[in-house]
Protein backbone atom coordinates (compact mmCIF):
# COMPACT_ATOMS: atom_id res chain seq x y z
CA MET A 1 115.37 88.14 111.69
CA THR A 2 114.74 91.16 110.04
CA PHE A 3 112.87 92.09 106.67
CA GLN A 4 112.77 94.79 104.24
CA VAL A 5 110.27 96.19 101.54
CA GLY A 6 111.82 93.76 98.22
CA ASP A 7 113.07 90.42 100.55
CA ILE A 8 110.93 86.87 99.07
CA VAL A 9 109.38 85.15 102.12
CA ALA A 10 107.27 82.38 102.89
CA ARG A 11 104.53 82.14 105.56
CA LYS A 12 105.66 79.88 108.14
CA SER A 13 101.75 79.03 109.04
CA TYR A 14 100.74 77.80 105.60
CA GLY A 15 104.11 75.83 105.69
CA GLY A 16 106.07 77.97 102.92
CA ASP A 17 102.98 77.05 100.45
CA VAL A 18 103.64 80.57 98.38
CA HIS A 19 106.24 82.59 98.18
CA PHE A 20 105.81 86.33 98.33
CA ARG A 21 107.73 89.46 97.76
CA ILE A 22 107.31 92.65 100.69
CA VAL A 23 105.74 95.35 99.55
CA SER A 24 105.01 97.51 102.92
CA ILE A 25 106.24 96.60 106.29
CA ASP A 26 104.36 98.48 109.24
CA HIS A 27 106.88 98.59 111.33
CA THR A 28 104.72 99.89 114.77
CA GLY A 29 102.29 96.75 114.47
CA ALA A 30 104.62 94.45 113.01
CA ILE A 31 102.87 93.49 110.34
CA ALA A 32 104.06 92.63 106.27
CA GLU A 33 102.14 93.19 103.69
CA LEU A 34 102.81 91.08 100.62
CA LYS A 35 101.98 89.91 97.16
CA GLY A 36 102.48 86.63 95.63
CA ILE A 37 105.33 86.24 92.97
CA ASP A 38 103.32 83.11 91.06
CA MET A 39 100.23 83.16 92.49
CA ARG A 40 98.00 86.27 92.32
CA LEU A 41 97.55 86.64 96.14
CA TRP A 42 97.37 89.66 98.29
CA ALA A 43 97.71 89.00 101.87
CA ASP A 44 99.00 90.62 105.28
CA ALA A 45 100.84 88.48 108.13
CA PRO A 46 102.85 88.83 111.42
CA LEU A 47 106.13 89.17 110.36
CA HIS A 48 107.65 86.59 112.91
CA ASP A 49 105.22 84.18 110.83
CA LEU A 50 107.66 84.85 108.10
CA VAL A 51 111.08 83.13 106.81
CA HIS A 52 112.63 84.78 104.14
CA VAL A 53 112.66 82.25 100.84
CA ASP A 54 116.57 80.70 99.35
CA GLU A 55 117.27 82.39 95.78
CA GLU A 56 118.50 78.72 94.79
CA VAL A 57 115.20 77.49 95.91
CA ARG A 58 113.37 80.14 94.20
CA GLY A 59 115.81 79.29 91.14
CA ARG A 60 114.73 76.62 90.50
CA ILE A 61 111.05 76.73 90.36
CA LYS A 62 111.53 79.64 87.95
CA GLU A 63 113.26 76.53 85.69
CA TRP A 64 110.54 74.18 86.31
CA GLU A 65 107.89 77.40 85.55
CA GLU A 66 109.67 78.04 81.78
CA GLU A 67 110.15 73.95 81.43
CA GLN A 68 106.45 73.98 81.64
CA MET A 69 105.87 77.22 79.82
CA SER A 70 107.71 75.96 76.90
CA SER A 71 106.38 72.77 76.48
CA SER A 72 102.32 73.68 76.76
CA VAL A 73 103.32 76.14 74.12
CA LYS A 74 104.68 73.59 71.93
CA GLU A 75 101.59 71.12 72.40
CA LEU A 76 99.21 74.24 71.93
CA ILE A 77 100.92 75.49 69.00
CA GLU A 78 100.89 71.77 67.03
CA HIS A 79 97.53 71.25 68.66
CA ARG A 80 95.97 73.86 65.90
CA LYS A 81 97.90 73.52 62.97
CA THR A 82 95.61 73.69 59.89
CA GLY A 83 95.76 73.32 55.91
CA GLU A 84 99.09 75.69 54.52
CA THR A 85 96.01 77.19 51.82
CA LEU A 86 94.06 79.17 54.97
CA PHE A 87 95.25 82.23 57.13
CA LYS A 88 94.41 82.94 60.35
CA LEU A 89 92.03 85.64 62.52
CA PRO A 90 92.61 84.92 66.38
CA GLY A 91 90.45 86.39 68.93
CA ARG A 92 91.85 90.43 70.23
CA VAL A 93 93.02 90.44 73.37
CA LEU A 94 92.52 93.59 75.91
CA HIS A 95 94.39 92.31 79.08
CA ILE A 96 94.02 94.46 82.33
CA ASP A 97 96.30 92.84 85.41
CA GLY A 98 96.19 94.17 88.42
CA ASP A 99 100.06 93.22 88.81
CA ALA A 100 102.81 94.73 86.55
CA SER A 101 105.07 92.45 86.21
CA TYR A 102 102.58 89.35 86.48
CA LEU A 103 101.41 91.50 82.61
CA LYS A 104 104.81 91.24 81.74
CA LYS A 105 104.72 87.33 81.94
CA CYS A 106 101.41 87.05 80.49
CA LEU A 107 102.09 89.06 77.38
CA GLU A 108 105.61 87.05 77.00
CA LEU A 109 103.47 83.97 77.05
CA TYR A 110 100.29 86.07 74.30
CA ARG A 111 103.33 86.29 72.17
CA ALA A 112 104.74 83.07 72.34
CA LEU A 113 101.28 81.67 71.83
CA ASP A 114 100.77 84.05 68.22
CA ILE A 115 97.58 86.22 70.26
CA PRO A 116 97.23 89.26 69.34
CA VAL A 117 96.68 91.81 72.81
CA TYR A 118 96.88 94.91 74.09
CA GLY A 119 97.50 94.58 77.98
CA VAL A 120 97.37 97.14 80.16
CA HIS A 121 98.23 97.79 84.05
CA MET A 122 96.08 99.33 86.55
CA SER A 123 95.35 99.22 89.90
CA GLU A 124 92.48 97.36 90.51
CA ALA A 125 90.33 99.59 91.94
CA GLU A 126 90.90 101.48 88.95
CA ILE A 127 89.64 98.74 87.28
CA PRO A 128 85.61 99.93 86.63
CA GLU A 129 86.01 103.74 86.09
CA ARG A 130 88.53 102.89 83.30
CA ILE A 131 87.77 99.55 81.44
CA TYR A 132 84.55 101.17 79.04
CA SER A 133 86.73 103.55 77.58
CA LEU A 134 89.76 100.69 76.83
CA LEU A 135 86.85 98.19 75.27
CA MET A 136 85.81 101.69 73.14
CA TYR A 137 89.43 102.16 71.89
CA VAL A 138 90.64 98.57 71.93
CA ASN A 139 86.98 96.88 70.64
CA PRO A 140 88.58 93.34 71.75
CA ASP A 141 86.97 90.32 71.34
CA VAL A 142 88.55 88.80 74.56
CA LEU A 143 88.63 90.57 77.62
CA VAL A 144 90.72 89.77 81.25
CA ILE A 145 90.11 91.96 84.26
CA THR A 146 92.53 90.08 86.83
CA GLY A 147 94.97 90.84 89.73
CA HIS A 148 95.08 90.46 93.05
CA ASP A 149 92.68 89.05 95.35
CA ALA A 150 92.35 87.13 99.01
CA TYR A 151 89.33 85.56 100.82
CA MET A 152 89.14 86.76 104.44
CA ARG A 153 87.21 84.27 106.55
CA SER A 154 87.75 86.52 109.61
CA ARG A 155 85.26 89.35 107.64
CA GLY A 156 82.33 86.78 106.86
CA GLY A 157 81.30 84.01 104.86
CA LYS A 158 82.85 82.84 101.30
CA TYR A 159 79.41 84.62 99.81
CA ASP A 160 79.81 87.65 101.90
CA LEU A 161 81.60 89.86 99.36
CA THR A 162 82.64 92.43 101.78
CA ALA A 163 85.23 89.73 102.75
CA TYR A 164 86.73 90.08 99.75
CA ARG A 165 89.59 92.11 98.82
CA HIS A 166 89.37 92.59 95.30
CA SER A 167 86.61 90.75 93.89
CA GLN A 168 83.78 92.80 94.71
CA TYR A 169 86.21 95.87 91.70
CA PHE A 170 86.39 92.77 89.43
CA ILE A 171 82.69 92.23 89.55
CA GLN A 172 82.15 95.93 89.20
CA ALA A 173 84.68 95.92 86.02
CA VAL A 174 82.85 92.97 84.89
CA GLN A 175 79.27 94.87 84.82
CA ALA A 176 80.50 97.72 83.15
CA ALA A 177 81.67 95.83 80.54
CA ARG A 178 78.20 94.13 79.74
CA GLN A 179 77.12 97.16 79.24
CA PHE A 180 79.31 97.85 76.33
CA GLU A 181 78.45 94.24 75.20
CA ARG A 182 75.78 92.05 76.50
CA ASN A 183 76.40 89.08 74.04
CA ARG A 184 79.12 86.65 75.82
CA ASP A 185 79.70 85.40 72.92
CA ASN A 186 80.75 88.64 71.42
CA LEU A 187 82.73 89.57 74.08
CA ILE A 188 84.02 86.39 76.39
CA ILE A 189 85.12 87.80 79.79
CA PHE A 190 87.90 86.28 82.54
CA SER A 191 87.30 88.02 85.52
CA GLY A 192 89.30 87.02 89.13
CA ALA A 193 92.56 86.38 90.75
CA CYS A 194 93.57 84.17 93.74
CA GLN A 195 90.09 83.00 96.22
CA SER A 196 87.64 85.75 93.74
CA HIS A 197 83.84 85.19 94.72
CA PHE A 198 83.46 82.46 91.45
CA GLU A 199 80.17 83.08 91.93
CA ALA A 200 79.61 86.21 91.27
CA LEU A 201 81.60 87.12 88.73
CA ILE A 202 80.08 84.54 87.21
CA GLU A 203 76.34 85.95 87.60
CA ALA A 204 77.76 89.73 86.74
CA GLY A 205 78.45 88.11 82.66
CA ALA A 206 82.33 87.06 83.57
CA ASN A 207 81.96 83.89 81.06
CA TYR A 208 85.32 82.16 83.42
CA ALA A 209 86.33 83.62 86.39
CA SER A 210 87.91 82.08 89.66
CA SER A 211 87.72 80.52 92.63
CA PRO A 212 85.19 78.28 92.52
CA GLU A 213 87.10 76.78 95.50
CA ARG A 214 88.75 79.71 96.66
CA VAL A 215 92.05 78.04 96.22
CA ASN A 216 95.11 80.25 94.73
CA ILE A 217 95.89 80.84 91.04
CA HIS A 218 99.26 81.07 88.99
CA CYS A 219 99.36 83.85 87.33
CA LEU A 220 98.99 82.62 84.09
CA ASP A 221 96.18 80.86 84.38
CA PRO A 222 93.69 83.42 82.36
CA VAL A 223 96.55 82.92 79.44
CA TYR A 224 95.66 79.38 78.98
CA ILE A 225 92.28 79.85 78.92
CA VAL A 226 92.14 82.66 76.25
CA GLU A 227 94.10 80.88 73.90
CA LYS A 228 91.26 77.75 74.14
CA ALA A 229 89.11 81.72 72.68
CA CYS A 230 91.16 83.11 70.30
CA TYR A 231 91.85 79.74 68.79
CA THR A 232 88.59 77.73 69.06
CA PRO A 233 86.67 78.14 65.59
CA ILE A 234 83.45 80.68 66.02
CA ASP A 235 81.15 77.51 65.31
CA ARG A 236 82.36 75.22 68.31
CA ILE A 237 81.79 75.42 71.89
CA ILE A 238 85.42 76.31 73.71
CA ASP A 239 85.91 72.37 75.10
CA LEU A 240 86.61 74.01 79.34
CA LYS A 241 87.31 70.68 80.52
CA HIS A 242 90.32 71.03 77.27
CA VAL A 243 91.23 74.73 78.74
CA LEU A 244 91.56 73.11 82.55
CA GLN A 245 94.42 70.51 80.82
CA TYR A 246 96.37 73.18 80.46
CA SER A 247 95.41 75.18 83.15
CA VAL A 248 98.33 74.79 86.40
CA THR A 249 95.29 75.15 89.02
CA GLY A 250 92.30 73.32 87.42
CA SER A 251 88.56 73.71 88.04
CA SER A 252 89.06 74.09 91.51
CA GLY A 253 90.54 76.77 90.17
CA LEU A 254 88.82 78.05 87.62
CA GLY A 255 85.40 77.58 86.12
CA GLY A 256 82.79 78.86 83.62
CA ILE A 257 80.31 78.31 81.20
CA ASP A 258 79.40 76.89 77.68
CA THR A 259 81.19 79.73 75.23
CA ARG A 260 81.36 79.68 71.46
CA GLY A 261 85.27 80.53 70.02
CA THR A 262 86.54 83.32 68.18
CA TYR A 263 88.67 81.78 65.35
CA ARG A 264 87.98 82.68 61.87
CA GLN A 265 90.84 80.51 58.92
CA GLY A 266 90.13 82.13 55.51
CA LEU A 267 91.26 82.07 51.67
CA PRO A 268 93.68 83.08 50.08
CA LYS A 269 96.06 82.76 52.04
CA ILE A 270 98.18 86.08 53.35
CA MET A 271 100.30 87.45 54.55
CA TYR A 272 99.58 89.94 57.51
CA GLU A 273 100.77 91.26 61.08
CA THR A 274 99.16 91.02 64.34
């Protein structure tokens, strides 16, 4: 069986549980570098372990994802309805993503949920050095630092940072963001991707992070956490259980600490654009 860069594949040894796109091939070692299509996972696999994914299968998954997203958007918007005499000021978001296609999907969902957002794509390794200047420019209420990650058991235990592909960059970025704003209610941070070092991210200063049980998270999971941060009133603590209800992954992939919301209402009602 032959493979090319750009092919959509699954790993036979994992039962085809995650679909990937091939981003590079080492023909000498017969190893492919893989990027998750739906999950924020980066992996390597021998070519003999790969199998092509049928376009019809991908089509059904995309259709299911669109139906789920549409249902969640309708329910979340219905849940936040208030009196018509008020105007709404949800929190402003800076979303930094190591994957351009995931960022595009997330921005579409933010807009459907009426969340003001500024999105930036860059490699995970670039984020720590560039984050401070972006925070100065955007001055957000909520910060998302995400992309791809992976826990590699062959390199060490689950608390060994060297066993993770990109967790170190997410941690450094969170630490840099906390130099900008130390108060976890004034700047709410979500950070991490598939299988990320959850405990180290929370210790570094994140309010929410992945992945408590080192499982994969869906590319849209950060947005559902952000929605609750942006539309929970400033005098209330965000209901984390309610957040996880709308996420694809749930508590095995996402967790966090008590945090106040960023949502404000005002009078009289005015017209404005986010």
